[in-house]
C-alpha atoms as a PDB file:
ATOM      1  CA  UNK A   1       8.074   2.560 -10.208  1.00  0.00           C
ATOM      2  CA  UNK A   2       6.760   5.302  -7.868  1.00  0.00           C
ATOM      3  CA  UNK A   3       5.641   4.868  -4.295  1.00  0.00           C
ATOM      4  CA  UNK A   4       2.023   5.186  -5.096  1.00  0.00           C
ATOM      5  CA  UNK A   5       2.192   2.267  -7.579  1.00  0.00           C
ATOM      6  CA  UNK A   6       4.088   0.178  -4.976  1.00  0.00           C
ATOM      7  CA  UNK A   7       1.364   0.920  -2.436  1.00  0.00           C
ATOM      8  CA  UNK A   8      -1.437   0.024  -4.895  1.00  0.00           C
ATOM      9  CA  UNK A   9       0.190  -3.383  -5.452  1.00  0.00           C
ATOM     10  CA  UNK A  10       0.993  -4.031  -1.713  1.00  0.00           C
ATOM     11  CA  UNK A  11      -2.420  -3.313  -0.307  1.00  0.00           C
ATOM     12  CA  UNK A  12      -4.433  -6.057  -2.224  1.00  0.00           C
ATOM     13  CA  UNK A  13      -1.698  -8.576  -1.405  1.00  0.00           C
ATOM     14  CA  UNK A  14      -1.934  -7.745   2.345  1.00  0.00           C
ATOM     15  CA  UNK A  15      -5.771  -8.037   2.169  1.00  0.00           C
ATOM     16  CA  UNK A  16      -5.610 -11.407   0.321  1.00  0.00           C
ATOM     17  CA  UNK A  17      -3.055 -12.796   2.791  1.00  0.00           C
ATOM     18  CA  UNK A  18      -1.626 -10.607   5.601  1.00  0.00           C
ATOM     19  CA  UNK A  19       1.971 -11.675   5.423  1.00  0.00           C
ATOM     20  CA  UNK A  20       5.365 -10.017   5.423  1.00  0.00           C
ATOM     21  CA  UNK A  21       6.391  -7.557   2.751  1.00  0.00           C
ATOM     22  CA  UNK A  22       8.691 -10.177   1.233  1.00  0.00           C
ATOM     23  CA  UNK A  23       5.988 -12.894   1.201  1.00  0.00           C
ATOM     24  CA  UNK A  24       3.556 -10.336  -0.142  1.00  0.00           C
ATOM     25  CA  UNK A  25       5.580 -10.439  -3.394  1.00  0.00           C
ATOM     26  CA  UNK A  26       4.675 -14.144  -3.548  1.00  0.00           C
ATOM     27  CA  UNK A  27       0.982 -13.317  -2.933  1.00  0.00           C
ATOM     28  CA  UNK A  28       0.995 -10.886  -5.701  1.00  0.00           C
ATOM     29  CA  UNK A  29       2.489 -13.326  -8.069  1.00  0.00           C
ATOM     30  CA  UNK A  30       0.020 -16.019  -7.117  1.00  0.00           C
ATOM     31  CA  UNK A  31      -2.895 -13.674  -7.585  1.00  0.00           C
ATOM     32  CA  UNK A  32      -1.730 -12.889 -11.094  1.00  0.00           C
ATOM     33  CA  UNK A  33      -0.482  -9.395 -10.372  1.00  0.00           C
ATOM     34  CA  UNK A  34       2.782  -7.935 -11.634  1.00  0.00           C
ATOM     35  CA  UNK A  35       5.465  -8.183  -9.019  1.00  0.00           C
ATOM     36  CA  UNK A  36       8.250  -5.890  -8.150  1.00  0.00           C
ATOM     37  CA  UNK A  37      11.618  -6.491  -6.527  1.00  0.00           C
ATOM     38  CA  UNK A  38      11.898  -6.383  -2.702  1.00  0.00           C
ATOM     39  CA  UNK A  39      14.169  -3.434  -3.033  1.00  0.00           C
ATOM     40  CA  UNK A  40      11.541  -1.538  -5.027  1.00  0.00           C
ATOM     41  CA  UNK A  41       8.845  -2.547  -2.569  1.00  0.00           C
ATOM     42  CA  UNK A  42      10.878  -1.319   0.378  1.00  0.00           C
ATOM     43  CA  UNK A  43      12.150   2.003  -1.096  1.00  0.00           C
ATOM     44  CA  UNK A  44       9.071   4.127  -0.560  1.00  0.00           C
ATOM     45  CA  UNK A  45       7.988   2.689   2.781  1.00  0.00           C
ATOM     46  CA  UNK A  46       9.652   5.425   4.994  1.00  0.00           C
ATOM     47  CA  UNK A  47       7.397   8.058   3.267  1.00  0.00           C
ATOM     48  CA  UNK A  48       4.281   5.961   4.194  1.00  0.00           C
ATOM     49  CA  UNK A  49       5.306   6.176   7.841  1.00  0.00           C
ATOM     50  CA  UNK A  50       5.184   9.953   7.886  1.00  0.00           C
ATOM     51  CA  UNK A  51       2.247  11.532   9.681  1.00  0.00           C
ATOM     52  CA  UNK A  52       1.405  13.853   6.779  1.00  0.00           C
ATOM     53  CA  UNK A  53       1.213  10.882   4.387  1.00  0.00           C
ATOM     54  CA  UNK A  54      -0.953   8.864   6.750  1.00  0.00           C
ATOM     55  CA  UNK A  55      -3.239  11.819   7.402  1.00  0.00           C
ATOM     56  CA  UNK A  56      -3.670  12.506   3.660  1.00  0.00           C
ATOM     57  CA  UNK A  57      -4.442   8.880   3.020  1.00  0.00           C
ATOM     58  CA  UNK A  58      -7.049   8.727   5.903  1.00  0.00           C
ATOM     59  CA  UNK A  59      -8.638  12.032   4.456  1.00  0.00           C
ATOM     60  CA  UNK A  60      -8.767  10.442   0.987  1.00  0.00           C
ATOM     61  CA  UNK A  61     -10.412   7.258   2.391  1.00  0.00           C
ATOM     62  CA  UNK A  62     -12.908   9.359   4.336  1.00  0.00           C
ATOM     63  CA  UNK A  63     -13.767  11.385   1.188  1.00  0.00           C
ATOM     64  CA  UNK A  64     -14.141   8.249  -0.911  1.00  0.00           C
ATOM     65  CA  UNK A  65     -16.709   6.882   1.619  1.00  0.00           C
ATOM     66  CA  UNK A  66     -18.554  10.222   1.775  1.00  0.00           C
ATOM     67  CA  UNK A  67     -18.227  10.225   5.485  1.00  0.00           C
ATOM     68  CA  UNK A  68     -17.658  13.431   7.425  1.00  0.00           C
ATOM     69  CA  UNK A  69     -13.968  14.168   8.339  1.00  0.00           C
ATOM     70  CA  UNK A  70     -12.715  13.488  11.770  1.00  0.00           C
ATOM     71  CA  UNK A  71     -10.462  16.512  11.685  1.00  0.00           C
END
């Protein structure tokens, strides 16, 4: 499973109940979502901490809202 898929699963879990990554797996399961192993969840996280990834994500969110870019 790729990093983007892990991210797509982790975000709703954190919105439903803002808990730790490990407990987020429980939230996913309770919400009826497919879960992943903790190791799979943790593997792509360093890439999400990179400035370039965060900037790209922020730009995508801004574009989705149709708001002007802050850059």
